[in-house]
Amino acid sequence: MPVSLAGLTEIYGRHWEIMDSAGGGWIAVRRHGVAGSALARGLSNVRCAETLSELAGYLAKEAELEQRPPRFAGTSAVVVPSPRRSSSRG
């Protein structure tokens, strides 16, 4: 199924402004930029592509990355032991 500007705008237009590039191709710019930590997770504020189909793939990947919980480098699960009850009565 061919990808159209109207179709991409309908799906992604709430978060992205999609336009043709002066030099050819297409550009999607986030309406609200993402923070540095999100950029480190692979999200982008601007995506460029030669075709609308290619841009659709990039925006789908962005949407997928947005749904993943952030992973913090150098951290691991912390297990907190439950309080021990004293068996001696004093």
N, C-alpha and C. Protein backbone atom coordinates (compact mmCIF):
# COMPACT_ATOMS: atom_id res chain seq x y z
N MET A 1 0.85 -1.18 0.00
CA MET A 1 0.00 0.00 0.00
C MET A 1 0.89 1.25 0.00
N PRO A 2 0.67 2.17 -0.92
CA PRO A 2 1.49 3.37 -0.99
C PRO A 2 1.30 4.25 0.24
N VAL A 3 2.38 4.89 0.63
CA VAL A 3 2.36 5.80 1.78
C VAL A 3 2.13 7.21 1.26
N SER A 4 1.23 7.94 1.91
CA SER A 4 0.97 9.33 1.51
C SER A 4 1.30 10.27 2.66
N LEU A 5 1.53 11.53 2.32
CA LEU A 5 1.78 12.55 3.34
C LEU A 5 0.58 12.65 4.27
N ALA A 6 -0.62 12.61 3.72
CA ALA A 6 -1.83 12.69 4.54
C ALA A 6 -1.91 11.50 5.50
N GLY A 7 -1.55 10.31 5.02
CA GLY A 7 -1.58 9.12 5.87
C GLY A 7 -0.58 9.21 7.01
N LEU A 8 0.65 9.65 6.71
CA LEU A 8 1.65 9.79 7.77
C LEU A 8 1.25 10.86 8.77
N THR A 9 0.69 11.95 8.27
CA THR A 9 0.26 13.03 9.16
C THR A 9 -0.86 12.56 10.07
N GLU A 10 -1.74 11.73 9.54
CA GLU A 10 -2.84 11.20 10.36
C GLU A 10 -2.30 10.32 11.49
N ILE A 11 -1.30 9.51 11.18
CA ILE A 11 -0.76 8.58 12.18
C ILE A 11 0.20 9.27 13.15
N TYR A 12 1.12 10.08 12.62
CA TYR A 12 2.21 10.62 13.44
C TYR A 12 2.14 12.13 13.66
N GLY A 13 1.17 12.79 13.06
CA GLY A 13 1.12 14.25 13.09
C GLY A 13 0.96 14.89 14.45
N ARG A 14 0.49 14.14 15.41
CA ARG A 14 0.36 14.71 16.76
C ARG A 14 1.73 15.00 17.38
N HIS A 15 2.72 14.16 17.05
CA HIS A 15 4.05 14.30 17.64
C HIS A 15 5.10 14.81 16.65
N TRP A 16 4.81 14.71 15.37
CA TRP A 16 5.79 15.07 14.34
C TRP A 16 5.19 16.03 13.33
N GLU A 17 5.99 17.00 12.89
CA GLU A 17 5.62 17.83 11.74
C GLU A 17 6.37 17.24 10.55
N ILE A 18 5.64 16.86 9.52
CA ILE A 18 6.21 16.17 8.37
C ILE A 18 6.13 17.10 7.16
N MET A 19 7.26 17.25 6.46
CA MET A 19 7.30 18.17 5.32
C MET A 19 8.29 17.68 4.27
N ASP A 20 8.15 18.22 3.07
CA ASP A 20 9.13 17.88 2.04
C ASP A 20 10.37 18.74 2.25
N SER A 21 11.50 18.20 1.85
CA SER A 21 12.78 18.88 2.02
C SER A 21 13.10 19.70 0.77
N ALA A 22 13.69 20.86 0.95
CA ALA A 22 14.04 21.71 -0.18
C ALA A 22 15.02 21.01 -1.12
N GLY A 23 15.87 20.15 -0.58
CA GLY A 23 16.85 19.44 -1.38
C GLY A 23 16.35 18.11 -1.92
N GLY A 24 15.08 17.82 -1.71
CA GLY A 24 14.51 16.53 -2.11
C GLY A 24 14.34 15.64 -0.89
N GLY A 25 13.41 14.76 -0.95
CA GLY A 25 13.15 13.86 0.18
C GLY A 25 12.16 14.48 1.16
N TRP A 26 12.17 13.92 2.37
CA TRP A 26 11.18 14.27 3.39
C TRP A 26 11.85 14.44 4.75
N ILE A 27 11.25 15.29 5.58
CA ILE A 27 11.76 15.57 6.92
C ILE A 27 10.61 15.45 7.91
N ALA A 28 10.89 14.86 9.06
CA ALA A 28 9.94 14.85 10.18
C ALA A 28 10.66 15.48 11.37
N VAL A 29 10.03 16.49 11.97
CA VAL A 29 10.59 17.20 13.12
C VAL A 29 9.63 17.03 14.29
N ARG A 30 10.16 16.62 15.44
CA ARG A 30 9.30 16.47 16.62
C ARG A 30 8.70 17.82 17.01
N ARG A 31 7.43 17.80 17.35
CA ARG A 31 6.78 19.03 17.80
C ARG A 31 7.30 19.45 19.17
N HIS A 32 7.69 18.49 19.99
CA HIS A 32 8.27 18.74 21.31
C HIS A 32 9.53 17.88 21.39
N GLY A 33 10.68 18.52 21.45
CA GLY A 33 11.94 17.78 21.47
C GLY A 33 12.04 16.83 22.65
N VAL A 34 12.80 15.78 22.46
CA VAL A 34 13.02 14.81 23.53
C VAL A 34 14.30 15.16 24.28
N ALA A 35 14.37 14.76 25.53
CA ALA A 35 15.51 15.05 26.40
C ALA A 35 16.74 14.23 26.00
N GLY A 36 17.87 14.63 26.55
CA GLY A 36 19.13 13.95 26.27
C GLY A 36 19.10 12.47 26.60
N SER A 37 18.42 12.11 27.69
CA SER A 37 18.35 10.69 28.06
C SER A 37 17.58 9.89 27.02
N ALA A 38 16.56 10.50 26.43
CA ALA A 38 15.80 9.82 25.37
C ALA A 38 16.63 9.72 24.10
N LEU A 39 17.42 10.75 23.83
CA LEU A 39 18.31 10.69 22.67
C LEU A 39 19.32 9.56 22.83
N ALA A 40 19.79 9.38 24.06
CA ALA A 40 20.75 8.30 24.34
C ALA A 40 20.12 6.92 24.14
N ARG A 41 18.79 6.83 24.28
CA ARG A 41 18.08 5.57 24.05
C ARG A 41 17.80 5.32 22.58
N GLY A 42 18.17 6.27 21.72
CA GLY A 42 17.99 6.07 20.29
C GLY A 42 16.88 6.89 19.66
N LEU A 43 16.16 7.68 20.47
CA LEU A 43 15.12 8.53 19.91
C LEU A 43 15.75 9.72 19.20
N SER A 44 15.01 10.32 18.28
CA SER A 44 15.51 11.44 17.49
C SER A 44 14.54 12.61 17.56
N ASN A 45 15.06 13.80 17.35
CA ASN A 45 14.22 14.98 17.23
C ASN A 45 13.91 15.29 15.77
N VAL A 46 14.75 14.81 14.86
CA VAL A 46 14.58 15.03 13.42
C VAL A 46 14.89 13.72 12.70
N ARG A 47 14.04 13.38 11.73
CA ARG A 47 14.30 12.21 10.87
C ARG A 47 14.19 12.66 9.41
N CYS A 48 15.10 12.21 8.59
CA CYS A 48 15.10 12.53 7.16
C CYS A 48 15.07 11.24 6.35
N ALA A 49 14.43 11.31 5.19
CA ALA A 49 14.36 10.13 4.33
C ALA A 49 14.18 10.56 2.88
N GLU A 50 14.56 9.68 1.97
CA GLU A 50 14.38 9.97 0.55
C GLU A 50 12.93 9.82 0.11
N THR A 51 12.22 8.86 0.74
CA THR A 51 10.83 8.59 0.35
C THR A 51 9.92 8.61 1.58
N LEU A 52 8.63 8.75 1.33
CA LEU A 52 7.67 8.68 2.43
C LEU A 52 7.64 7.29 3.05
N SER A 53 7.84 6.27 2.24
CA SER A 53 7.87 4.90 2.77
C SER A 53 9.02 4.72 3.74
N GLU A 54 10.18 5.24 3.38
CA GLU A 54 11.35 5.16 4.26
C GLU A 54 11.09 5.94 5.55
N LEU A 55 10.51 7.13 5.42
CA LEU A 55 10.20 7.94 6.60
C LEU A 55 9.18 7.24 7.49
N ALA A 56 8.21 6.58 6.90
CA ALA A 56 7.21 5.83 7.68
C ALA A 56 7.89 4.77 8.53
N GLY A 57 8.88 4.08 7.98
CA GLY A 57 9.62 3.07 8.75
C GLY A 57 10.37 3.69 9.91
N TYR A 58 11.01 4.83 9.68
CA TYR A 58 11.73 5.51 10.76
C TYR A 58 10.78 5.96 11.87
N LEU A 59 9.64 6.51 11.49
CA LEU A 59 8.69 6.98 12.51
C LEU A 59 8.06 5.82 13.28
N ALA A 60 7.85 4.70 12.61
CA ALA A 60 7.35 3.51 13.31
C ALA A 60 8.37 3.04 14.34
N LYS A 61 9.65 3.07 13.98
CA LYS A 61 10.71 2.68 14.91
C LYS A 61 10.77 3.65 16.09
N GLU A 62 10.62 4.94 15.83
CA GLU A 62 10.60 5.93 16.90
C GLU A 62 9.45 5.63 17.88
N ALA A 63 8.27 5.34 17.33
CA ALA A 63 7.11 5.04 18.17
C ALA A 63 7.37 3.79 19.01
N GLU A 64 8.03 2.80 18.43
CA GLU A 64 8.37 1.58 19.17
C GLU A 64 9.35 1.89 20.31
N LEU A 65 10.36 2.68 20.04
CA LEU A 65 11.33 3.04 21.08
C LEU A 65 10.69 3.85 22.21
N GLU A 66 9.72 4.68 21.87
CA GLU A 66 9.03 5.48 22.89
C GLU A 66 8.28 4.59 23.87
N GLN A 67 7.82 3.44 23.42
CA GLN A 67 7.04 2.55 24.27
C GLN A 67 7.90 1.72 25.21
N ARG A 68 9.18 1.58 24.89
CA ARG A 68 10.07 0.79 25.74
C ARG A 68 10.44 1.56 27.00
N PRO A 69 10.47 0.87 28.14
CA PRO A 69 10.90 1.57 29.36
C PRO A 69 12.38 1.91 29.26
N PRO A 70 12.78 3.05 29.83
CA PRO A 70 14.20 3.42 29.77
C PRO A 70 15.07 2.44 30.53
N ARG A 71 16.27 2.22 30.02
CA ARG A 71 17.26 1.38 30.70
C ARG A 71 18.36 2.31 31.16
N PHE A 72 18.70 2.21 32.41
CA PHE A 72 19.72 3.08 32.97
C PHE A 72 21.03 2.33 33.02
N ALA A 73 22.04 2.86 32.38
CA ALA A 73 23.35 2.22 32.30
C ALA A 73 23.96 2.07 33.68
N GLY A 74 24.56 0.92 33.92
CA GLY A 74 25.27 0.70 35.17
C GLY A 74 24.39 0.39 36.36
N THR A 75 23.13 0.14 36.13
CA THR A 75 22.25 -0.19 37.25
C THR A 75 21.76 -1.61 37.09
N SER A 76 21.40 -2.20 38.18
CA SER A 76 20.82 -3.53 38.16
C SER A 76 19.73 -3.57 39.21
N ALA A 77 18.98 -4.63 39.18
CA ALA A 77 17.90 -4.76 40.16
C ALA A 77 18.47 -4.82 41.56
N VAL A 78 17.82 -4.15 42.46
CA VAL A 78 18.24 -4.15 43.86
C VAL A 78 17.23 -4.96 44.65
N VAL A 79 17.72 -5.94 45.39
CA VAL A 79 16.85 -6.78 46.21
C VAL A 79 16.96 -6.29 47.64
N VAL A 80 15.84 -5.89 48.18
CA VAL A 80 15.81 -5.42 49.56
C VAL A 80 15.26 -6.54 50.43
N PRO A 81 16.06 -7.02 51.39
CA PRO A 81 15.56 -8.11 52.23
C PRO A 81 14.42 -7.63 53.12
N SER A 82 13.50 -8.54 53.37
CA SER A 82 12.40 -8.18 54.26
C SER A 82 12.92 -8.17 55.69
N PRO A 83 12.31 -7.36 56.56
CA PRO A 83 12.78 -7.28 57.95
C PRO A 83 12.66 -8.64 58.64
N ARG A 84 13.65 -8.96 59.44
CA ARG A 84 13.62 -10.24 60.17
C ARG A 84 12.93 -10.01 61.51
N ARG A 85 12.16 -10.97 61.86
CA ARG A 85 11.49 -10.90 63.16
C ARG A 85 12.34 -11.63 64.19
N SER A 86 12.47 -11.04 65.30
CA SER A 86 13.25 -11.65 66.37
C SER A 86 12.42 -12.76 67.01
N SER A 87 13.04 -13.93 67.18
CA SER A 87 12.32 -15.05 67.79
C SER A 87 12.43 -15.02 69.31
N SER A 88 13.34 -14.21 69.83
CA SER A 88 13.48 -14.15 71.29
C SER A 88 12.59 -13.06 71.85
N ARG A 89 11.97 -13.34 72.94
CA ARG A 89 11.14 -12.34 73.61
C ARG A 89 11.87 -11.86 74.84
N GLY A 90 11.98 -10.63 74.98
CA GLY A 90 12.80 -10.15 76.05
C GLY A 90 12.18 -9.28 76.96
